[in-house]
Amino acid sequence: IDRMFQEQHEIAFQSIDCLECANCCKTTGPLLTDKDVVRIAKHLKLSPQQFIEQFLRIDEDEDYVLQSVPCPFLDHDNFCSIYSVRPKACREYPHTDRVKQKQLFSLALKNAEVCPAVFQILEEIRKGFK
């Protein structure tokens, strides 16, 4: 399964340009780790506490998440203004090139609603089982 996901991930991202879409940044928000908070705050020349107060909230699972979507760091041209220091969850999205896809399958199904690349990956894998 992992190999199929990785192969289809490579194929999908040869033809899909995230900058034409940015649905992930427009409709969902990442979980931020403590390391993300420190790194992004430093980049923005804020203290971690200032960054948290300005941009984050704590969700029901006690995780840091953005106060609002679309992401406040998404520019009008779909570029990320903090791309070089973006959260780990953003760097790894849509998670279709990771190992242990069997355990991540429900996440892939959820992401397919947002990300055309994930939808394409799942469709191609489904076709392979016919």
N, C-alpha and C. Protein backbone atom coordinates (compact mmCIF):
# COMPACT_ATOMS: atom_id res chain seq x y z
N ILE A 1 0.84 -1.19 0.00
CA ILE A 1 0.00 0.00 0.00
C ILE A 1 0.88 1.25 0.00
N ASP A 2 1.89 1.29 0.86
CA ASP A 2 2.77 2.47 0.91
C ASP A 2 3.39 2.76 -0.45
N ARG A 3 3.84 1.70 -1.12
CA ARG A 3 4.48 1.88 -2.43
C ARG A 3 3.48 2.46 -3.43
N MET A 4 2.24 1.97 -3.42
CA MET A 4 1.23 2.50 -4.34
C MET A 4 0.97 3.98 -4.06
N PHE A 5 0.84 4.33 -2.79
CA PHE A 5 0.62 5.73 -2.44
C PHE A 5 1.79 6.60 -2.89
N GLN A 6 3.00 6.14 -2.63
CA GLN A 6 4.17 6.94 -2.99
C GLN A 6 4.28 7.11 -4.50
N GLU A 7 4.01 6.04 -5.26
CA GLU A 7 4.05 6.15 -6.72
C GLU A 7 3.01 7.13 -7.23
N GLN A 8 1.79 7.00 -6.74
CA GLN A 8 0.72 7.89 -7.19
C GLN A 8 0.93 9.33 -6.71
N HIS A 9 1.55 9.48 -5.54
CA HIS A 9 1.89 10.82 -5.04
C HIS A 9 2.83 11.51 -6.03
N GLU A 10 3.87 10.80 -6.45
CA GLU A 10 4.84 11.37 -7.40
C GLU A 10 4.14 11.76 -8.71
N ILE A 11 3.29 10.88 -9.22
CA ILE A 11 2.59 11.14 -10.48
C ILE A 11 1.66 12.35 -10.33
N ALA A 12 0.88 12.37 -9.26
CA ALA A 12 -0.09 13.46 -9.05
C ALA A 12 0.60 14.82 -8.99
N PHE A 13 1.71 14.89 -8.27
CA PHE A 13 2.35 16.19 -8.09
C PHE A 13 3.22 16.61 -9.27
N GLN A 14 3.31 15.75 -10.29
CA GLN A 14 3.94 16.17 -11.54
C GLN A 14 2.99 17.05 -12.34
N SER A 15 1.68 16.86 -12.13
CA SER A 15 0.70 17.61 -12.92
C SER A 15 -0.12 18.61 -12.11
N ILE A 16 -0.14 18.48 -10.81
CA ILE A 16 -0.95 19.37 -9.97
C ILE A 16 -0.06 20.42 -9.32
N ASP A 17 -0.44 21.68 -9.49
CA ASP A 17 0.30 22.80 -8.91
C ASP A 17 -0.46 23.32 -7.71
N CYS A 18 0.09 23.15 -6.54
CA CYS A 18 -0.57 23.59 -5.31
C CYS A 18 -0.89 25.08 -5.32
N LEU A 19 -0.08 25.88 -6.00
CA LEU A 19 -0.30 27.32 -6.03
C LEU A 19 -1.57 27.70 -6.81
N GLU A 20 -2.07 26.80 -7.63
CA GLU A 20 -3.32 27.06 -8.34
C GLU A 20 -4.53 26.75 -7.48
N CYS A 21 -4.31 26.08 -6.37
CA CYS A 21 -5.41 25.61 -5.53
C CYS A 21 -5.40 26.25 -4.14
N ALA A 22 -4.46 25.83 -3.32
CA ALA A 22 -4.32 26.29 -1.93
C ALA A 22 -5.55 26.02 -1.07
N ASN A 23 -6.38 25.04 -1.46
CA ASN A 23 -7.55 24.71 -0.66
C ASN A 23 -7.18 24.35 0.77
N CYS A 24 -6.05 23.68 0.95
CA CYS A 24 -5.65 23.30 2.30
C CYS A 24 -5.46 24.53 3.18
N CYS A 25 -4.90 25.58 2.62
CA CYS A 25 -4.66 26.82 3.37
C CYS A 25 -5.93 27.65 3.53
N LYS A 26 -6.85 27.47 2.60
CA LYS A 26 -8.09 28.25 2.61
C LYS A 26 -9.18 27.64 3.48
N THR A 27 -9.12 26.31 3.69
CA THR A 27 -10.24 25.65 4.35
C THR A 27 -9.90 24.91 5.63
N THR A 28 -8.63 24.60 5.83
CA THR A 28 -8.24 23.86 7.04
C THR A 28 -7.03 24.55 7.66
N GLY A 29 -6.76 24.22 8.89
CA GLY A 29 -5.59 24.78 9.55
C GLY A 29 -4.75 23.67 10.13
N PRO A 30 -3.45 23.87 10.18
CA PRO A 30 -2.56 22.84 10.73
C PRO A 30 -2.55 22.85 12.25
N LEU A 31 -2.14 21.72 12.82
CA LEU A 31 -1.77 21.69 14.22
C LEU A 31 -0.34 22.21 14.29
N LEU A 32 -0.05 23.03 15.26
CA LEU A 32 1.31 23.56 15.40
C LEU A 32 1.97 22.97 16.63
N THR A 33 3.19 22.53 16.46
CA THR A 33 3.97 22.01 17.58
C THR A 33 4.63 23.17 18.32
N ASP A 34 5.16 22.89 19.49
CA ASP A 34 5.90 23.92 20.22
C ASP A 34 7.08 24.42 19.39
N LYS A 35 7.75 23.49 18.68
CA LYS A 35 8.87 23.88 17.82
C LYS A 35 8.40 24.80 16.70
N ASP A 36 7.23 24.50 16.13
CA ASP A 36 6.68 25.38 15.09
C ASP A 36 6.47 26.78 15.64
N VAL A 37 5.88 26.86 16.82
CA VAL A 37 5.59 28.16 17.44
C VAL A 37 6.87 28.97 17.61
N VAL A 38 7.89 28.37 18.16
CA VAL A 38 9.16 29.08 18.40
C VAL A 38 9.78 29.52 17.08
N ARG A 39 9.82 28.62 16.09
CA ARG A 39 10.45 28.92 14.80
C ARG A 39 9.71 30.04 14.06
N ILE A 40 8.39 29.97 14.01
CA ILE A 40 7.62 30.98 13.28
C ILE A 40 7.66 32.31 14.02
N ALA A 41 7.55 32.28 15.34
CA ALA A 41 7.62 33.52 16.12
C ALA A 41 8.94 34.23 15.88
N LYS A 42 10.03 33.49 15.90
CA LYS A 42 11.35 34.08 15.66
C LYS A 42 11.39 34.72 14.27
N HIS A 43 10.86 34.02 13.28
CA HIS A 43 10.83 34.54 11.90
C HIS A 43 10.04 35.85 11.82
N LEU A 44 8.95 35.92 12.58
CA LEU A 44 8.10 37.12 12.58
C LEU A 44 8.58 38.19 13.56
N LYS A 45 9.69 37.90 14.23
CA LYS A 45 10.25 38.82 15.23
C LYS A 45 9.25 39.09 16.37
N LEU A 46 8.61 38.01 16.80
CA LEU A 46 7.69 38.05 17.93
C LEU A 46 8.18 37.07 18.98
N SER A 47 7.74 37.27 20.20
CA SER A 47 8.00 36.24 21.21
C SER A 47 7.01 35.10 20.93
N PRO A 48 7.32 33.89 21.37
CA PRO A 48 6.34 32.81 21.19
C PRO A 48 4.98 33.17 21.78
N GLN A 49 4.97 33.82 22.93
CA GLN A 49 3.69 34.20 23.55
C GLN A 49 2.93 35.21 22.69
N GLN A 50 3.63 36.17 22.11
CA GLN A 50 2.97 37.15 21.22
C GLN A 50 2.39 36.45 20.00
N PHE A 51 3.15 35.52 19.43
CA PHE A 51 2.67 34.77 18.27
C PHE A 51 1.41 33.99 18.62
N ILE A 52 1.44 33.32 19.75
CA ILE A 52 0.27 32.54 20.19
C ILE A 52 -0.93 33.46 20.35
N GLU A 53 -0.75 34.58 21.04
CA GLU A 53 -1.87 35.50 21.28
C GLU A 53 -2.43 36.08 19.99
N GLN A 54 -1.57 36.39 19.03
CA GLN A 54 -2.01 37.01 17.78
C GLN A 54 -2.65 36.03 16.81
N PHE A 55 -2.15 34.80 16.74
CA PHE A 55 -2.53 33.91 15.65
C PHE A 55 -3.14 32.58 16.04
N LEU A 56 -2.95 32.14 17.28
CA LEU A 56 -3.34 30.78 17.63
C LEU A 56 -4.40 30.72 18.71
N ARG A 57 -4.98 29.55 18.81
CA ARG A 57 -5.87 29.21 19.92
C ARG A 57 -5.60 27.75 20.26
N ILE A 58 -6.09 27.31 21.40
CA ILE A 58 -5.94 25.92 21.79
C ILE A 58 -7.27 25.23 21.53
N ASP A 59 -7.23 24.12 20.78
CA ASP A 59 -8.47 23.43 20.43
C ASP A 59 -8.89 22.45 21.52
N GLU A 60 -9.95 21.69 21.24
CA GLU A 60 -10.51 20.77 22.22
C GLU A 60 -9.56 19.63 22.59
N ASP A 61 -8.56 19.37 21.75
CA ASP A 61 -7.57 18.34 22.05
C ASP A 61 -6.30 18.92 22.69
N GLU A 62 -6.38 20.20 23.06
CA GLU A 62 -5.25 20.90 23.69
C GLU A 62 -4.08 21.13 22.72
N ASP A 63 -4.38 21.21 21.43
CA ASP A 63 -3.37 21.49 20.41
C ASP A 63 -3.45 22.94 19.98
N TYR A 64 -2.31 23.49 19.58
CA TYR A 64 -2.30 24.83 18.99
C TYR A 64 -2.82 24.74 17.56
N VAL A 65 -3.78 25.59 17.24
CA VAL A 65 -4.32 25.70 15.88
C VAL A 65 -4.48 27.18 15.57
N LEU A 66 -4.64 27.49 14.29
CA LEU A 66 -4.86 28.88 13.89
C LEU A 66 -6.19 29.38 14.43
N GLN A 67 -6.25 30.66 14.75
CA GLN A 67 -7.49 31.25 15.22
C GLN A 67 -8.55 31.27 14.14
N SER A 68 -8.11 31.35 12.87
CA SER A 68 -9.07 31.45 11.78
C SER A 68 -8.50 30.87 10.50
N VAL A 69 -9.38 30.52 9.60
CA VAL A 69 -9.01 30.16 8.23
C VAL A 69 -9.78 31.08 7.31
N PRO A 70 -9.28 31.43 6.15
CA PRO A 70 -8.03 30.94 5.58
C PRO A 70 -6.83 31.35 6.43
N CYS A 71 -5.74 30.64 6.19
CA CYS A 71 -4.51 30.90 6.94
C CYS A 71 -4.10 32.36 6.78
N PRO A 72 -3.79 33.03 7.88
CA PRO A 72 -3.39 34.44 7.78
C PRO A 72 -2.07 34.65 7.04
N PHE A 73 -1.34 33.59 6.79
CA PHE A 73 -0.05 33.70 6.09
C PHE A 73 -0.16 33.38 4.60
N LEU A 74 -1.38 33.13 4.13
CA LEU A 74 -1.62 32.87 2.71
C LEU A 74 -1.81 34.19 2.00
N ASP A 75 -0.92 34.47 1.04
CA ASP A 75 -1.01 35.70 0.26
C ASP A 75 -2.07 35.58 -0.83
N HIS A 76 -2.43 36.71 -1.43
CA HIS A 76 -3.47 36.74 -2.47
C HIS A 76 -3.11 35.89 -3.68
N ASP A 77 -1.83 35.63 -3.89
CA ASP A 77 -1.38 34.83 -5.04
C ASP A 77 -1.16 33.36 -4.66
N ASN A 78 -1.68 32.96 -3.51
CA ASN A 78 -1.58 31.60 -2.98
C ASN A 78 -0.18 31.21 -2.51
N PHE A 79 0.72 32.16 -2.41
CA PHE A 79 2.03 31.88 -1.83
C PHE A 79 1.94 32.00 -0.31
N CYS A 80 2.76 31.24 0.37
CA CYS A 80 2.82 31.27 1.83
C CYS A 80 3.89 32.27 2.26
N SER A 81 3.50 33.24 3.07
CA SER A 81 4.46 34.27 3.48
C SER A 81 5.47 33.76 4.52
N ILE A 82 5.22 32.57 5.08
CA ILE A 82 6.17 31.98 6.03
C ILE A 82 6.65 30.61 5.53
N TYR A 83 6.67 30.42 4.22
CA TYR A 83 6.96 29.11 3.63
C TYR A 83 8.24 28.48 4.18
N SER A 84 9.29 29.25 4.33
CA SER A 84 10.57 28.68 4.78
C SER A 84 10.53 28.18 6.22
N VAL A 85 9.55 28.64 7.00
CA VAL A 85 9.44 28.24 8.40
C VAL A 85 8.05 27.67 8.71
N ARG A 86 7.32 27.28 7.67
CA ARG A 86 5.94 26.81 7.85
C ARG A 86 5.86 25.63 8.82
N PRO A 87 4.69 25.42 9.41
CA PRO A 87 4.53 24.32 10.37
C PRO A 87 4.85 22.95 9.76
N LYS A 88 5.25 22.04 10.61
CA LYS A 88 5.55 20.67 10.20
C LYS A 88 4.36 20.06 9.47
N ALA A 89 3.15 20.28 9.97
CA ALA A 89 1.96 19.72 9.34
C ALA A 89 1.78 20.23 7.91
N CYS A 90 2.15 21.47 7.67
CA CYS A 90 2.07 22.02 6.31
C CYS A 90 3.14 21.41 5.41
N ARG A 91 4.33 21.24 5.96
CA ARG A 91 5.41 20.63 5.17
C ARG A 91 5.06 19.21 4.76
N GLU A 92 4.36 18.48 5.62
CA GLU A 92 4.05 17.08 5.35
C GLU A 92 2.75 16.88 4.56
N TYR A 93 1.91 17.89 4.49
CA TYR A 93 0.63 17.77 3.81
C TYR A 93 0.83 17.47 2.34
N PRO A 94 0.05 16.61 1.73
CA PRO A 94 -1.15 15.92 2.21
C PRO A 94 -0.89 14.54 2.81
N HIS A 95 0.33 14.25 3.17
CA HIS A 95 0.69 13.02 3.90
C HIS A 95 0.61 11.76 3.04
N THR A 96 0.46 11.88 1.75
CA THR A 96 0.32 10.71 0.88
C THR A 96 1.64 10.08 0.49
N ASP A 97 2.76 10.67 0.88
CA ASP A 97 4.06 10.06 0.59
C ASP A 97 4.70 9.48 1.85
N ARG A 98 3.93 9.41 2.91
CA ARG A 98 4.44 8.86 4.17
C ARG A 98 4.24 7.35 4.21
N VAL A 99 4.95 6.70 5.11
CA VAL A 99 4.77 5.26 5.29
C VAL A 99 3.59 5.02 6.24
N LYS A 100 3.16 3.77 6.30
CA LYS A 100 2.04 3.36 7.14
C LYS A 100 0.73 3.99 6.68
N GLN A 101 0.51 4.00 5.36
CA GLN A 101 -0.71 4.57 4.81
C GLN A 101 -1.95 3.82 5.29
N LYS A 102 -1.81 2.56 5.62
CA LYS A 102 -2.96 1.80 6.11
C LYS A 102 -3.53 2.48 7.36
N GLN A 103 -2.65 2.95 8.25
CA GLN A 103 -3.10 3.63 9.46
C GLN A 103 -3.57 5.06 9.17
N LEU A 104 -3.09 5.63 8.06
CA LEU A 104 -3.44 7.01 7.71
C LEU A 104 -4.59 7.10 6.71
N PHE A 105 -5.20 5.96 6.39
CA PHE A 105 -6.18 5.95 5.31
C PHE A 105 -7.37 6.88 5.59
N SER A 106 -7.85 6.91 6.82
CA SER A 106 -8.98 7.81 7.12
C SER A 106 -8.58 9.27 6.92
N LEU A 107 -7.32 9.59 7.20
CA LEU A 107 -6.83 10.95 6.95
C LEU A 107 -6.81 11.24 5.45
N ALA A 108 -6.39 10.26 4.65
CA ALA A 108 -6.38 10.45 3.19
C ALA A 108 -7.79 10.68 2.68
N LEU A 109 -8.76 9.93 3.18
CA LEU A 109 -10.15 10.13 2.75
C LEU A 109 -10.63 11.54 3.10
N LYS A 110 -10.30 11.99 4.29
CA LYS A 110 -10.69 13.34 4.71
C LYS A 110 -9.99 14.39 3.83
N ASN A 111 -8.70 14.21 3.57
CA ASN A 111 -7.96 15.17 2.76
C ASN A 111 -8.40 15.19 1.31
N ALA A 112 -8.97 14.09 0.83
CA ALA A 112 -9.46 14.04 -0.56
C ALA A 112 -10.59 15.03 -0.78
N GLU A 113 -11.29 15.40 0.28
CA GLU A 113 -12.36 16.39 0.17
C GLU A 113 -11.80 17.79 -0.06
N VAL A 114 -10.56 18.00 0.31
CA VAL A 114 -9.92 19.32 0.23
C VAL A 114 -8.91 19.40 -0.90
N CYS A 115 -8.15 18.34 -1.08
CA CYS A 115 -6.98 18.36 -1.96
C CYS A 115 -7.21 17.54 -3.23
N PRO A 116 -7.19 18.19 -4.40
CA PRO A 116 -7.39 17.45 -5.65
C PRO A 116 -6.30 16.41 -5.90
N ALA A 117 -5.11 16.61 -5.39
CA ALA A 117 -4.04 15.62 -5.56
C ALA A 117 -4.38 14.34 -4.80
N VAL A 118 -4.87 14.48 -3.59
CA VAL A 118 -5.23 13.29 -2.80
C VAL A 118 -6.39 12.56 -3.48
N PHE A 119 -7.36 13.32 -3.97
CA PHE A 119 -8.48 12.70 -4.68
C PHE A 119 -7.96 11.89 -5.86
N GLN A 120 -7.06 12.48 -6.64
CA GLN A 120 -6.48 11.79 -7.80
C GLN A 120 -5.71 10.54 -7.37
N ILE A 121 -4.93 10.65 -6.32
CA ILE A 121 -4.16 9.51 -5.82
C ILE A 121 -5.08 8.37 -5.43
N LEU A 122 -6.13 8.67 -4.68
CA LEU A 122 -7.07 7.63 -4.25
C LEU A 122 -7.80 7.02 -5.44
N GLU A 123 -8.17 7.85 -6.40
CA GLU A 123 -8.85 7.34 -7.61
C GLU A 123 -7.95 6.37 -8.37
N GLU A 124 -6.70 6.73 -8.54
CA GLU A 124 -5.78 5.86 -9.28
C GLU A 124 -5.52 4.55 -8.52
N ILE A 125 -5.43 4.63 -7.22
CA ILE A 125 -5.24 3.41 -6.42
C ILE A 125 -6.50 2.54 -6.52
N ARG A 126 -7.67 3.17 -6.45
CA ARG A 126 -8.93 2.43 -6.58
C ARG A 126 -8.99 1.71 -7.92
N LYS A 127 -8.62 2.40 -8.99
CA LYS A 127 -8.62 1.79 -10.33
C LYS A 127 -7.71 0.57 -10.37
N GLY A 128 -6.62 0.62 -9.64
CA GLY A 128 -5.68 -0.49 -9.61
C GLY A 128 -6.24 -1.74 -8.96
N PHE A 129 -7.30 -1.59 -8.18
CA PHE A 129 -7.92 -2.73 -7.51
C PHE A 129 -9.07 -3.33 -8.31
N LYS A 130 -9.41 -2.71 -9.44
CA LYS A 130 -10.53 -3.22 -10.25
C LYS A 130 -10.12 -4.44 -11.03
